[in-house]
């Protein structure tokens, strides 16, 4: 299918004095979490909550800082999540995508709000 990118806004919901950070994020429904580089965590003054053991694509395991909360905005959607601090670009994984109620449009390789619920995020709680 190729790589999918989307412009999202990240902010610190605990410190409203900090300006939000707009980023061009890799979108990967095969990944689980929001991952952010260290410099984004510094800009948002995020607190490390704990270390988490992460299995990488090559099968190796590493301890990664987990921080939050982070407010994620895309279009008319908002989610509050934690993030793995790793890598050199922002990665939007399946968990925040589900919370935002967004989908990847395969033909255009774009991130879009769920067409079944265009005005308000939908979720199942059963």
PDB file of N, CA and C in Angstrom:
ATOM      1  N   UNK A   1       0.820  -1.192   0.000  1.00  0.00           N
ATOM      2  CA  UNK A   1       0.000   0.000   0.000  1.00  0.00           C
ATOM      3  C   UNK A   1       0.862   1.252   0.000  1.00  0.00           C
ATOM      4  N   UNK A   2       2.032   1.224   0.590  1.00  0.00           N
ATOM      5  CA  UNK A   2       2.849   2.432   0.681  1.00  0.00           C
ATOM      6  C   UNK A   2       2.686   3.108   2.027  1.00  0.00           C
ATOM      7  N   UNK A   3       3.508   4.098   2.268  1.00  0.00           N
ATOM      8  CA  UNK A   3       3.475   4.816   3.538  1.00  0.00           C
ATOM      9  C   UNK A   3       2.337   5.827   3.557  1.00  0.00           C
ATOM     10  N   UNK A   4       1.764   5.992   4.742  1.00  0.00           N
ATOM     11  CA  UNK A   4       0.688   6.960   4.949  1.00  0.00           C
ATOM     12  C   UNK A   4       1.151   7.961   5.994  1.00  0.00           C
ATOM     13  N   UNK A   5       0.992   9.237   5.699  1.00  0.00           N
ATOM     14  CA  UNK A   5       1.333  10.303   6.632  1.00  0.00           C
ATOM     15  C   UNK A   5       0.113  11.191   6.854  1.00  0.00           C
ATOM     16  N   UNK A   6       0.044  11.807   8.025  1.00  0.00           N
ATOM     17  CA  UNK A   6      -1.042  12.739   8.337  1.00  0.00           C
ATOM     18  C   UNK A   6      -0.498  13.851   9.234  1.00  0.00           C
ATOM     19  N   UNK A   7      -1.068  15.021   9.093  1.00  0.00           N
ATOM     20  CA  UNK A   7      -0.728  16.138   9.969  1.00  0.00           C
ATOM     21  C   UNK A   7      -1.627  16.062  11.195  1.00  0.00           C
ATOM     22  N   UNK A   8      -1.005  15.935  12.360  1.00  0.00           N
ATOM     23  CA  UNK A   8      -1.734  15.879  13.621  1.00  0.00           C
ATOM     24  C   UNK A   8      -1.154  16.925  14.561  1.00  0.00           C
ATOM     25  N   UNK A   9      -1.909  17.244  15.592  1.00  0.00           N
ATOM     26  CA  UNK A   9      -1.462  18.195  16.600  1.00  0.00           C
ATOM     27  C   UNK A   9      -1.339  17.482  17.937  1.00  0.00           C
ATOM     28  N   UNK A  10      -0.199  17.664  18.585  1.00  0.00           N
ATOM     29  CA  UNK A  10       0.053  17.081  19.900  1.00  0.00           C
ATOM     30  C   UNK A  10       0.162  18.201  20.913  1.00  0.00           C
ATOM     31  N   UNK A  11      -0.431  17.981  22.091  1.00  0.00           N
ATOM     32  CA  UNK A  11      -0.322  18.997  23.142  1.00  0.00           C
ATOM     33  C   UNK A  11      -0.302  18.320  24.507  1.00  0.00           C
ATOM     34  N   UNK A  12       0.097  19.103  25.500  1.00  0.00           N
ATOM     35  CA  UNK A  12       0.150  18.641  26.881  1.00  0.00           C
ATOM     36  C   UNK A  12      -1.120  19.135  27.581  1.00  0.00           C
ATOM     37  N   UNK A  13      -2.068  18.245  27.875  1.00  0.00           N
ATOM     38  CA  UNK A  13      -3.322  18.686  28.486  1.00  0.00           C
ATOM     39  C   UNK A  13      -3.168  19.136  29.934  1.00  0.00           C
ATOM     40  N   UNK A  14      -2.029  18.854  30.552  1.00  0.00           N
ATOM     41  CA  UNK A  14      -1.791  19.247  31.933  1.00  0.00           C
ATOM     42  C   UNK A  14      -1.248  20.674  32.022  1.00  0.00           C
ATOM     43  N   UNK A  15      -0.552  21.123  30.982  1.00  0.00           N
ATOM     44  CA  UNK A  15       0.053  22.457  30.976  1.00  0.00           C
ATOM     45  C   UNK A  15      -0.469  23.248  29.777  1.00  0.00           C
ATOM     46  N   UNK A  16      -1.537  23.987  29.980  1.00  0.00           N
ATOM     47  CA  UNK A  16      -2.179  24.732  28.888  1.00  0.00           C
ATOM     48  C   UNK A  16      -1.351  25.941  28.439  1.00  0.00           C
ATOM     49  N   UNK A  17      -0.286  26.292  29.166  1.00  0.00           N
ATOM     50  CA  UNK A  17       0.585  27.395  28.759  1.00  0.00           C
ATOM     51  C   UNK A  17       1.524  27.017  27.616  1.00  0.00           C
ATOM     52  N   UNK A  18       1.690  25.717  27.399  1.00  0.00           N
ATOM     53  CA  UNK A  18       2.582  25.260  26.333  1.00  0.00           C
ATOM     54  C   UNK A  18       1.838  25.257  25.000  1.00  0.00           C
ATOM     55  N   UNK A  19       2.500  25.735  23.968  1.00  0.00           N
ATOM     56  CA  UNK A  19       1.907  25.733  22.630  1.00  0.00           C
ATOM     57  C   UNK A  19       1.839  24.301  22.104  1.00  0.00           C
ATOM     58  N   UNK A  20       0.772  23.960  21.381  1.00  0.00           N
ATOM     59  CA  UNK A  20       0.704  22.646  20.739  1.00  0.00           C
ATOM     60  C   UNK A  20       1.787  22.504  19.679  1.00  0.00           C
ATOM     61  N   UNK A  21       2.118  21.268  19.352  1.00  0.00           N
ATOM     62  CA  UNK A  21       3.120  20.975  18.340  1.00  0.00           C
ATOM     63  C   UNK A  21       2.417  20.290  17.175  1.00  0.00           C
ATOM     64  N   UNK A  22       2.533  20.876  15.992  1.00  0.00           N
ATOM     65  CA  UNK A  22       1.966  20.266  14.800  1.00  0.00           C
ATOM     66  C   UNK A  22       3.043  19.424  14.139  1.00  0.00           C
ATOM     67  N   UNK A  23       2.706  18.163  13.829  1.00  0.00           N
ATOM     68  CA  UNK A  23       3.688  17.236  13.285  1.00  0.00           C
ATOM     69  C   UNK A  23       3.122  16.504  12.073  1.00  0.00           C
ATOM     70  N   UNK A  24       4.026  16.082  11.220  1.00  0.00           N
ATOM     71  CA  UNK A  24       3.698  15.238  10.076  1.00  0.00           C
ATOM     72  C   UNK A  24       4.007  13.815  10.538  1.00  0.00           C
ATOM     73  N   UNK A  25       2.975  13.030  10.816  1.00  0.00           N
ATOM     74  CA  UNK A  25       3.126  11.742  11.475  1.00  0.00           C
ATOM     75  C   UNK A  25       2.981  10.581  10.501  1.00  0.00           C
ATOM     76  N   UNK A  26       3.838   9.585  10.666  1.00  0.00           N
ATOM     77  CA  UNK A  26       3.657   8.322   9.980  1.00  0.00           C
ATOM     78  C   UNK A  26       2.457   7.625  10.622  1.00  0.00           C
ATOM     79  N   UNK A  27       1.549   7.117   9.802  1.00  0.00           N
ATOM     80  CA  UNK A  27       0.360   6.425  10.298  1.00  0.00           C
ATOM     81  C   UNK A  27       0.533   4.946   9.985  1.00  0.00           C
ATOM     82  N   UNK A  28       0.452   4.103  11.014  1.00  0.00           N
ATOM     83  CA  UNK A  28       0.685   2.676  10.815  1.00  0.00           C
ATOM     84  C   UNK A  28      -0.290   1.876  11.668  1.00  0.00           C
ATOM     85  N   UNK A  29      -1.297   1.299  11.019  1.00  0.00           N
ATOM     86  CA  UNK A  29      -2.291   0.507  11.746  1.00  0.00           C
ATOM     87  C   UNK A  29      -1.716  -0.820  12.226  1.00  0.00           C
ATOM     88  N   UNK A  30      -0.517  -1.186  11.766  1.00  0.00           N
ATOM     89  CA  UNK A  30       0.155  -2.386  12.247  1.00  0.00           C
ATOM     90  C   UNK A  30       0.953  -2.150  13.514  1.00  0.00           C
ATOM     91  N   UNK A  31       1.175  -0.887  13.848  1.00  0.00           N
ATOM     92  CA  UNK A  31       1.826  -0.527  15.112  1.00  0.00           C
ATOM     93  C   UNK A  31       0.721  -0.279  16.141  1.00  0.00           C
ATOM     94  N   UNK A  32       1.034  -0.353  17.398  1.00  0.00           N
ATOM     95  CA  UNK A  32       0.005  -0.187  18.422  1.00  0.00           C
ATOM     96  C   UNK A  32      -0.071   1.217  19.004  1.00  0.00           C
ATOM     97  N   UNK A  33       1.057   1.793  19.358  1.00  0.00           N
ATOM     98  CA  UNK A  33       1.085   2.986  20.187  1.00  0.00           C
ATOM     99  C   UNK A  33       1.390   4.262  19.421  1.00  0.00           C
ATOM    100  N   UNK A  34       1.227   5.376  20.112  1.00  0.00           N
ATOM    101  CA  UNK A  34       1.791   6.640  19.654  1.00  0.00           C
ATOM    102  C   UNK A  34       3.252   6.617  20.068  1.00  0.00           C
ATOM    103  N   UNK A  35       4.137   6.866  19.119  1.00  0.00           N
ATOM    104  CA  UNK A  35       5.561   6.967  19.418  1.00  0.00           C
ATOM    105  C   UNK A  35       6.014   8.361  19.027  1.00  0.00           C
ATOM    106  N   UNK A  36       6.803   8.985  19.897  1.00  0.00           N
ATOM    107  CA  UNK A  36       7.293  10.333  19.629  1.00  0.00           C
ATOM    108  C   UNK A  36       8.791  10.385  19.889  1.00  0.00           C
ATOM    109  N   UNK A  37       9.511  11.213  19.115  1.00  0.00           N
ATOM    110  CA  UNK A  37      10.937  11.392  19.393  1.00  0.00           C
ATOM    111  C   UNK A  37      11.151  12.183  20.685  1.00  0.00           C
ATOM    112  N   UNK A  38      12.343  12.068  21.223  1.00  0.00           N
ATOM    113  CA  UNK A  38      12.673  12.746  22.483  1.00  0.00           C
ATOM    114  C   UNK A  38      12.448  14.249  22.397  1.00  0.00           C
ATOM    115  N   UNK A  39      12.776  14.891  21.268  1.00  0.00           N
ATOM    116  CA  UNK A  39      12.646  16.349  21.191  1.00  0.00           C
ATOM    117  C   UNK A  39      11.180  16.797  21.292  1.00  0.00           C
ATOM    118  N   UNK A  40      10.234  15.978  20.869  1.00  0.00           N
ATOM    119  CA  UNK A  40       8.811  16.315  21.030  1.00  0.00           C
ATOM    120  C   UNK A  40       8.427  16.198  22.508  1.00  0.00           C
ATOM    121  N   UNK A  41       8.910  15.163  23.168  1.00  0.00           N
ATOM    122  CA  UNK A  41       8.643  15.007  24.604  1.00  0.00           C
ATOM    123  C   UNK A  41       9.186  16.195  25.391  1.00  0.00           C
ATOM    124  N   UNK A  42      10.369  16.694  25.012  1.00  0.00           N
ATOM    125  CA  UNK A  42      10.944  17.875  25.662  1.00  0.00           C
ATOM    126  C   UNK A  42      10.065  19.104  25.419  1.00  0.00           C
ATOM    127  N   UNK A  43       9.647  19.310  24.165  1.00  0.00           N
ATOM    128  CA  UNK A  43       8.834  20.484  23.838  1.00  0.00           C
ATOM    129  C   UNK A  43       7.518  20.496  24.610  1.00  0.00           C
ATOM    130  N   UNK A  44       6.926  19.325  24.805  1.00  0.00           N
ATOM    131  CA  UNK A  44       5.643  19.242  25.508  1.00  0.00           C
ATOM    132  C   UNK A  44       5.816  19.076  27.015  1.00  0.00           C
ATOM    133  N   UNK A  45       7.070  19.028  27.471  1.00  0.00           N
ATOM    134  CA  UNK A  45       7.384  18.866  28.899  1.00  0.00           C
ATOM    135  C   UNK A  45       6.637  17.680  29.506  1.00  0.00           C
ATOM    136  N   UNK A  46       6.718  16.556  28.813  1.00  0.00           N
ATOM    137  CA  UNK A  46       6.033  15.352  29.279  1.00  0.00           C
ATOM    138  C   UNK A  46       6.842  14.659  30.356  1.00  0.00           C
ATOM    139  N   UNK A  47       6.145  14.097  31.315  1.00  0.00           N
ATOM    140  CA  UNK A  47       6.796  13.357  32.382  1.00  0.00           C
ATOM    141  C   UNK A  47       6.860  11.886  32.019  1.00  0.00           C
ATOM    142  N   UNK A  48       8.037  11.307  32.206  1.00  0.00           N
ATOM    143  CA  UNK A  48       8.146   9.861  32.023  1.00  0.00           C
ATOM    144  C   UNK A  48       7.369   9.192  33.150  1.00  0.00           C
ATOM    145  N   UNK A  49       6.445   8.326  32.793  1.00  0.00           N
ATOM    146  CA  UNK A  49       5.635   7.629  33.786  1.00  0.00           C
ATOM    147  C   UNK A  49       6.286   6.332  34.233  1.00  0.00           C
ATOM    148  N   UNK A  50       6.940   5.659  33.275  1.00  0.00           N
ATOM    149  CA  UNK A  50       7.586   4.382  33.563  1.00  0.00           C
ATOM    150  C   UNK A  50       8.397   3.959  32.346  1.00  0.00           C
ATOM    151  N   UNK A  51       9.112   2.869  32.500  1.00  0.00           N
ATOM    152  CA  UNK A  51       9.781   2.222  31.366  1.00  0.00           C
ATOM    153  C   UNK A  51       8.910   1.040  30.966  1.00  0.00           C
ATOM    154  N   UNK A  52       8.818   0.799  29.659  1.00  0.00           N
ATOM    155  CA  UNK A  52       8.079  -0.354  29.155  1.00  0.00           C
ATOM    156  C   UNK A  52       8.988  -1.173  28.257  1.00  0.00           C
ATOM    157  N   UNK A  53       8.843  -2.491  28.357  1.00  0.00           N
ATOM    158  CA  UNK A  53       9.604  -3.362  27.472  1.00  0.00           C
ATOM    159  C   UNK A  53       8.861  -3.440  26.141  1.00  0.00           C
ATOM    160  N   UNK A  54       9.568  -3.139  25.060  1.00  0.00           N
ATOM    161  CA  UNK A  54       8.978  -3.093  23.727  1.00  0.00           C
ATOM    162  C   UNK A  54       9.711  -4.082  22.838  1.00  0.00           C
ATOM    163  N   UNK A  55       8.939  -4.866  22.092  1.00  0.00           N
ATOM    164  CA  UNK A  55       9.517  -5.741  21.088  1.00  0.00           C
ATOM    165  C   UNK A  55       9.517  -4.998  19.761  1.00  0.00           C
ATOM    166  N   UNK A  56      10.688  -4.837  19.181  1.00  0.00           N
ATOM    167  CA  UNK A  56      10.836  -4.118  17.916  1.00  0.00           C
ATOM    168  C   UNK A  56      10.596  -5.056  16.736  1.00  0.00           C
ATOM    169  N   UNK A  57      10.526  -4.489  15.535  1.00  0.00           N
ATOM    170  CA  UNK A  57      10.220  -5.251  14.328  1.00  0.00           C
ATOM    171  C   UNK A  57      11.217  -6.382  14.085  1.00  0.00           C
ATOM    172  N   UNK A  58      12.462  -6.200  14.517  1.00  0.00           N
ATOM    173  CA  UNK A  58      13.476  -7.241  14.307  1.00  0.00           C
ATOM    174  C   UNK A  58      13.461  -8.311  15.402  1.00  0.00           C
ATOM    175  N   UNK A  59      12.501  -8.201  16.331  1.00  0.00           N
ATOM    176  CA  UNK A  59      12.379  -9.189  17.400  1.00  0.00           C
ATOM    177  C   UNK A  59      13.152  -8.848  18.654  1.00  0.00           C
ATOM    178  N   UNK A  60      14.017  -7.845  18.600  1.00  0.00           N
ATOM    179  CA  UNK A  60      14.781  -7.461  19.793  1.00  0.00           C
ATOM    180  C   UNK A  60      13.874  -6.723  20.777  1.00  0.00           C
ATOM    181  N   UNK A  61      14.287  -6.740  22.026  1.00  0.00           N
ATOM    182  CA  UNK A  61      13.510  -6.083  23.087  1.00  0.00           C
ATOM    183  C   UNK A  61      14.343  -4.970  23.688  1.00  0.00           C
ATOM    184  N   UNK A  62      13.662  -3.850  24.004  1.00  0.00           N
ATOM    185  CA  UNK A  62      14.326  -2.704  24.640  1.00  0.00           C
ATOM    186  C   UNK A  62      13.396  -2.105  25.680  1.00  0.00           C
ATOM    187  N   UNK A  63      13.996  -1.480  26.690  1.00  0.00           N
ATOM    188  CA  UNK A  63      13.222  -0.694  27.639  1.00  0.00           C
ATOM    189  C   UNK A  63      13.083   0.716  27.077  1.00  0.00           C
ATOM    190  N   UNK A  64      11.854   1.199  26.980  1.00  0.00           N
ATOM    191  CA  UNK A  64      11.557   2.478  26.349  1.00  0.00           C
ATOM    192  C   UNK A  64      10.820   3.360  27.362  1.00  0.00           C
ATOM    193  N   UNK A  65      11.146   4.647  27.446  1.00  0.00           N
ATOM    194  CA  UNK A  65      10.368   5.542  28.298  1.00  0.00           C
ATOM    195  C   UNK A  65       8.938   5.682  27.775  1.00  0.00           C
ATOM    196  N   UNK A  66       7.988   5.640  28.695  1.00  0.00           N
ATOM    197  CA  UNK A  66       6.565   5.818  28.388  1.00  0.00           C
ATOM    198  C   UNK A  66       6.127   7.086  29.119  1.00  0.00           C
ATOM    199  N   UNK A  67       5.553   8.037  28.378  1.00  0.00           N
ATOM    200  CA  UNK A  67       5.216   9.346  28.952  1.00  0.00           C
ATOM    201  C   UNK A  67       3.792   9.734  28.607  1.00  0.00           C
ATOM    202  N   UNK A  68       3.304  10.731  29.325  1.00  0.00           N
ATOM    203  CA  UNK A  68       1.963  11.235  29.018  1.00  0.00           C
ATOM    204  C   UNK A  68       1.434  12.038  30.171  1.00  0.00           C
ATOM    205  N   UNK A  69       0.205  12.459  30.069  1.00  0.00           N
ATOM    206  CA  UNK A  69      -0.695  12.238  28.939  1.00  0.00           C
ATOM    207  C   UNK A  69      -0.387  13.196  27.787  1.00  0.00           C
ATOM    208  N   UNK A  70      -0.832  12.804  26.592  1.00  0.00           N
ATOM    209  CA  UNK A  70      -0.713  13.628  25.401  1.00  0.00           C
ATOM    210  C   UNK A  70      -2.099  13.751  24.776  1.00  0.00           C
ATOM    211  N   UNK A  71      -2.441  14.950  24.389  1.00  0.00           N
ATOM    212  CA  UNK A  71      -3.684  15.188  23.659  1.00  0.00           C
ATOM    213  C   UNK A  71      -3.357  15.167  22.173  1.00  0.00           C
ATOM    214  N   UNK A  72      -4.070  14.334  21.416  1.00  0.00           N
ATOM    215  CA  UNK A  72      -3.867  14.195  19.978  1.00  0.00           C
ATOM    216  C   UNK A  72      -5.098  14.739  19.268  1.00  0.00           C
ATOM    217  N   UNK A  73      -4.879  15.642  18.310  1.00  0.00           N
ATOM    218  CA  UNK A  73      -5.979  16.180  17.504  1.00  0.00           C
ATOM    219  C   UNK A  73      -5.751  15.873  16.042  1.00  0.00           C
ATOM    220  N   UNK A  74      -6.811  15.429  15.380  1.00  0.00           N
ATOM    221  CA  UNK A  74      -6.828  15.260  13.934  1.00  0.00           C
ATOM    222  C   UNK A  74      -8.234  15.610  13.456  1.00  0.00           C
ATOM    223  N   UNK A  75      -8.311  16.548  12.532  1.00  0.00           N
ATOM    224  CA  UNK A  75      -9.601  16.987  11.991  1.00  0.00           C
ATOM    225  C   UNK A  75     -10.509  17.377  13.161  1.00  0.00           C
ATOM    226  N   UNK A  76     -11.681  16.767  13.272  1.00  0.00           N
ATOM    227  CA  UNK A  76     -12.611  17.085  14.358  1.00  0.00           C
ATOM    228  C   UNK A  76     -12.556  16.030  15.464  1.00  0.00           C
ATOM    229  N   UNK A  77     -11.405  15.389  15.634  1.00  0.00           N
ATOM    230  CA  UNK A  77     -11.240  14.301  16.606  1.00  0.00           C
ATOM    231  C   UNK A  77     -10.176  14.638  17.641  1.00  0.00           C
ATOM    232  N   UNK A  78     -10.397  14.120  18.857  1.00  0.00           N
ATOM    233  CA  UNK A  78      -9.459  14.299  19.961  1.00  0.00           C
ATOM    234  C   UNK A  78      -9.297  12.983  20.708  1.00  0.00           C
ATOM    235  N   UNK A  79      -8.076  12.687  21.111  1.00  0.00           N
ATOM    236  CA  UNK A  79      -7.804  11.522  21.946  1.00  0.00           C
ATOM    237  C   UNK A  79      -6.755  11.898  22.984  1.00  0.00           C
ATOM    238  N   UNK A  80      -6.792  11.217  24.102  1.00  0.00           N
ATOM    239  CA  UNK A  80      -5.794  11.382  25.151  1.00  0.00           C
ATOM    240  C   UNK A  80      -5.093  10.034  25.323  1.00  0.00           C
ATOM    241  N   UNK A  81      -3.765  10.030  25.145  1.00  0.00           N
ATOM    242  CA  UNK A  81      -3.014   8.775  25.183  1.00  0.00           C
ATOM    243  C   UNK A  81      -1.666   8.978  25.863  1.00  0.00           C
ATOM    244  N   UNK A  82      -0.993   7.885  26.094  1.00  0.00           N
ATOM    245  CA  UNK A  82       0.407   7.902  26.476  1.00  0.00           C
ATOM    246  C   UNK A  82       1.239   7.658  25.236  1.00  0.00           C
ATOM    247  N   UNK A  83       2.538   7.844  25.335  1.00  0.00           N
ATOM    248  CA  UNK A  83       3.403   7.657  24.173  1.00  0.00           C
ATOM    249  C   UNK A  83       4.711   6.992  24.556  1.00  0.00           C
ATOM    250  N   UNK A  84       5.190   6.151  23.662  1.00  0.00           N
ATOM    251  CA  UNK A  84       6.531   5.609  23.759  1.00  0.00           C
ATOM    252  C   UNK A  84       7.476   6.672  23.226  1.00  0.00           C
ATOM    253  N   UNK A  85       8.543   6.950  23.950  1.00  0.00           N
ATOM    254  CA  UNK A  85       9.521   7.937  23.479  1.00  0.00           C
ATOM    255  C   UNK A  85      10.637   7.167  22.788  1.00  0.00           C
ATOM    256  N   UNK A  86      10.558   7.183  21.448  1.00  0.00           N
ATOM    257  CA  UNK A  86      11.535   6.443  20.654  1.00  0.00           C
ATOM    258  C   UNK A  86      11.442   6.879  19.198  1.00  0.00           C
ATOM    259  N   UNK A  87      12.508   6.651  18.470  1.00  0.00           N
ATOM    260  CA  UNK A  87      12.514   6.917  17.047  1.00  0.00           C
ATOM    261  C   UNK A  87      12.831   8.361  16.706  1.00  0.00           C
ATOM    262  N   UNK A  88      12.792   8.643  15.390  1.00  0.00           N
ATOM    263  CA  UNK A  88      13.121   9.982  14.913  1.00  0.00           C
ATOM    264  C   UNK A  88      11.951  10.689  14.246  1.00  0.00           C
ATOM    265  N   UNK A  89      10.752  10.075  14.289  1.00  0.00           N
ATOM    266  CA  UNK A  89       9.556  10.721  13.782  1.00  0.00           C
ATOM    267  C   UNK A  89       8.358  10.245  14.586  1.00  0.00           C
ATOM    268  N   UNK A  90       7.282  10.998  14.519  1.00  0.00           N
ATOM    269  CA  UNK A  90       6.059  10.626  15.226  1.00  0.00           C
ATOM    270  C   UNK A  90       5.393   9.491  14.463  1.00  0.00           C
ATOM    271  N   UNK A  91       4.915   8.486  15.204  1.00  0.00           N
ATOM    272  CA  UNK A  91       4.210   7.361  14.632  1.00  0.00           C
ATOM    273  C   UNK A  91       2.860   7.238  15.322  1.00  0.00           C
ATOM    274  N   UNK A  92       1.795   7.264  14.554  1.00  0.00           N
ATOM    275  CA  UNK A  92       0.435   7.119  15.072  1.00  0.00           C
ATOM    276  C   UNK A  92       0.002   5.685  14.848  1.00  0.00           C
ATOM    277  N   UNK A  93      -0.143   4.919  15.929  1.00  0.00           N
ATOM    278  CA  UNK A  93      -0.491   3.509  15.847  1.00  0.00           C
ATOM    279  C   UNK A  93      -1.983   3.260  16.034  1.00  0.00           C
ATOM    280  N   UNK A  94      -2.337   1.981  16.110  1.00  0.00           N
ATOM    281  CA  UNK A  94      -3.735   1.552  16.122  1.00  0.00           C
ATOM    282  C   UNK A  94      -4.517   2.016  17.355  1.00  0.00           C
ATOM    283  N   UNK A  95      -3.882   2.068  18.522  1.00  0.00           N
ATOM    284  CA  UNK A  95      -4.629   2.446  19.732  1.00  0.00           C
ATOM    285  C   UNK A  95      -5.116   3.887  19.651  1.00  0.00           C
ATOM    286  N   UNK A  96      -4.251   4.872  19.367  1.00  0.00           N
ATOM    287  CA  UNK A  96      -4.790   6.228  19.219  1.00  0.00           C
ATOM    288  C   UNK A  96      -5.706   6.375  18.000  1.00  0.00           C
ATOM    289  N   UNK A  97      -5.462   5.593  16.937  1.00  0.00           N
ATOM    290  CA  UNK A  97      -6.356   5.656  15.777  1.00  0.00           C
ATOM    291  C   UNK A  97      -7.762   5.203  16.147  1.00  0.00           C
ATOM    292  N   UNK A  98      -7.864   4.143  16.925  1.00  0.00           N
ATOM    293  CA  UNK A  98      -9.177   3.672  17.381  1.00  0.00           C
ATOM    294  C   UNK A  98      -9.858   4.717  18.256  1.00  0.00           C
ATOM    295  N   UNK A  99      -9.085   5.329  19.151  1.00  0.00           N
ATOM    296  CA  UNK A  99      -9.650   6.348  20.036  1.00  0.00           C
ATOM    297  C   UNK A  99     -10.121   7.570  19.250  1.00  0.00           C
ATOM    298  N   UNK A 100      -9.388   7.927  18.201  1.00  0.00           N
ATOM    299  CA  UNK A 100      -9.774   9.053  17.351  1.00  0.00           C
ATOM    300  C   UNK A 100     -10.925   8.694  16.408  1.00  0.00           C
ATOM    301  N   UNK A 101     -11.161   7.403  16.196  1.00  0.00           N
ATOM    302  CA  UNK A 101     -12.149   6.908  15.232  1.00  0.00           C
ATOM    303  C   UNK A 101     -11.809   7.402  13.832  1.00  0.00           C
ATOM    304  N   UNK A 102     -10.591   7.058  13.407  1.00  0.00           N
ATOM    305  CA  UNK A 102     -10.111   7.412  12.070  1.00  0.00           C
ATOM    306  C   UNK A 102      -9.736   6.138  11.321  1.00  0.00           C
ATOM    307  N   UNK A 103      -9.690   6.243   9.997  1.00  0.00           N
ATOM    308  CA  UNK A 103      -9.353   5.102   9.157  1.00  0.00           C
ATOM    309  C   UNK A 103      -8.365   5.537   8.087  1.00  0.00           C
ATOM    310  N   UNK A 104      -7.631   4.578   7.574  1.00  0.00           N
ATOM    311  CA  UNK A 104      -6.743   4.823   6.439  1.00  0.00           C
ATOM    312  C   UNK A 104      -7.521   4.524   5.167  1.00  0.00           C
ATOM    313  N   UNK A 105      -7.572   5.502   4.262  1.00  0.00           N
ATOM    314  CA  UNK A 105      -8.215   5.294   2.968  1.00  0.00           C
ATOM    315  C   UNK A 105      -7.162   4.685   2.041  1.00  0.00           C
ATOM    316  N   UNK A 106      -7.326   3.418   1.635  1.00  0.00           N
ATOM    317  CA  UNK A 106      -6.260   2.735   0.904  1.00  0.00           C
ATOM    318  C   UNK A 106      -5.975   3.303  -0.489  1.00  0.00           C
ATOM    319  N   UNK A 107      -6.984   3.793  -1.175  1.00  0.00           N
ATOM    320  CA  UNK A 107      -6.764   4.282  -2.545  1.00  0.00           C
ATOM    321  C   UNK A 107      -5.951   5.573  -2.563  1.00  0.00           C
ATOM    322  N   UNK A 108      -6.220   6.461  -1.601  1.00  0.00           N
ATOM    323  CA  UNK A 108      -5.525   7.749  -1.581  1.00  0.00           C
ATOM    324  C   UNK A 108      -4.383   7.777  -0.583  1.00  0.00           C
ATOM    325  N   UNK A 109      -4.229   6.696   0.206  1.00  0.00           N
ATOM    326  CA  UNK A 109      -3.213   6.624   1.262  1.00  0.00           C
ATOM    327  C   UNK A 109      -3.260   7.853   2.160  1.00  0.00           C
ATOM    328  N   UNK A 110      -4.465   8.153   2.647  1.00  0.00           N
ATOM    329  CA  UNK A 110      -4.657   9.283   3.543  1.00  0.00           C
ATOM    330  C   UNK A 110      -5.403   8.827   4.790  1.00  0.00           C
ATOM    331  N   UNK A 111      -5.200   9.572   5.868  1.00  0.00           N
ATOM    332  CA  UNK A 111      -5.938   9.350   7.098  1.00  0.00           C
ATOM    333  C   UNK A 111      -7.208  10.168   7.030  1.00  0.00           C
ATOM    334  N   UNK A 112      -8.341   9.568   7.373  1.00  0.00           N
ATOM    335  CA  UNK A 112      -9.630  10.249   7.320  1.00  0.00           C
ATOM    336  C   UNK A 112     -10.457   9.896   8.551  1.00  0.00           C
ATOM    337  N   UNK A 113     -11.384  10.784   8.890  1.00  0.00           N
ATOM    338  CA  UNK A 113     -12.333  10.423   9.947  1.00  0.00           C
ATOM    339  C   UNK A 113     -13.181   9.275   9.423  1.00  0.00           C
ATOM    340  N   UNK A 114     -13.689   8.460  10.310  1.00  0.00           N
ATOM    341  CA  UNK A 114     -14.515   7.322   9.937  1.00  0.00           C
ATOM    342  C   UNK A 114     -15.747   7.821   9.184  1.00  0.00           C
ATOM    343  N   UNK A 115     -15.952   7.405   7.927  1.00  0.00           N
ATOM    344  CA  UNK A 115     -17.094   7.894   7.163  1.00  0.00           C
ATOM    345  C   UNK A 115     -18.439   7.465   7.739  1.00  0.00           C
ATOM    346  N   UNK A 116     -18.439   6.440   8.582  1.00  0.00           N
ATOM    347  CA  UNK A 116     -19.685   6.006   9.221  1.00  0.00           C
ATOM    348  C   UNK A 116     -20.075   6.923  10.381  1.00  0.00           C
ATOM    349  N   UNK A 117     -19.143   7.752  10.834  1.00  0.00           N
ATOM    350  CA  UNK A 117     -19.416   8.690  11.929  1.00  0.00           C
ATOM    351  C   UNK A 117     -18.639   9.981  11.688  1.00  0.00           C
ATOM    352  N   UNK A 118     -19.039  10.763  10.669  1.00  0.00           N
ATOM    353  CA  UNK A 118     -18.235  11.921  10.274  1.00  0.00           C
ATOM    354  C   UNK A 118     -18.265  13.094  11.251  1.00  0.00           C
ATOM    355  N   UNK A 119     -19.270  13.187  12.091  1.00  0.00           N
ATOM    356  CA  UNK A 119     -19.430  14.369  12.936  1.00  0.00           C
ATOM    357  C   UNK A 119     -19.002  14.181  14.383  1.00  0.00           C
ATOM    358  N   UNK A 120     -18.965  12.942  14.821  1.00  0.00           N
ATOM    359  CA  UNK A 120     -18.600  12.678  16.212  1.00  0.00           C
ATOM    360  C   UNK A 120     -17.947  11.297  16.269  1.00  0.00           C
ATOM    361  N   UNK A 121     -16.889  11.181  17.050  1.00  0.00           N
ATOM    362  CA  UNK A 121     -16.180   9.901  17.151  1.00  0.00           C
ATOM    363  C   UNK A 121     -17.106   8.841  17.725  1.00  0.00           C
ATOM    364  N   UNK A 122     -17.000   7.646  17.173  1.00  0.00           N
ATOM    365  CA  UNK A 122     -17.835   6.524  17.584  1.00  0.00           C
ATOM    366  C   UNK A 122     -16.928   5.469  18.201  1.00  0.00           C
ATOM    367  N   UNK A 123     -17.462   4.732  19.168  1.00  0.00           N
ATOM    368  CA  UNK A 123     -16.713   3.663  19.799  1.00  0.00           C
ATOM    369  C   UNK A 123     -17.683   2.616  20.294  1.00  0.00           C
ATOM    370  N   UNK A 124     -17.189   1.404  20.480  1.00  0.00           N
ATOM    371  CA  UNK A 124     -18.008   0.340  21.059  1.00  0.00           C
ATOM    372  C   UNK A 124     -17.545   0.104  22.482  1.00  0.00           C
ATOM    373  N   UNK A 125     -18.498   0.008  23.384  1.00  0.00           N
ATOM    374  CA  UNK A 125     -18.172  -0.205  24.792  1.00  0.00           C
ATOM    375  C   UNK A 125     -18.998  -1.362  25.320  1.00  0.00           C
ATOM    376  N   UNK A 126     -18.834  -2.510  24.711  1.00  0.00           N
ATOM    377  CA  UNK A 126     -19.582  -3.686  25.191  1.00  0.00           C
ATOM    378  C   UNK A 126     -18.694  -4.889  25.246  1.00  0.00           C
TER     379      UNK A 126
END
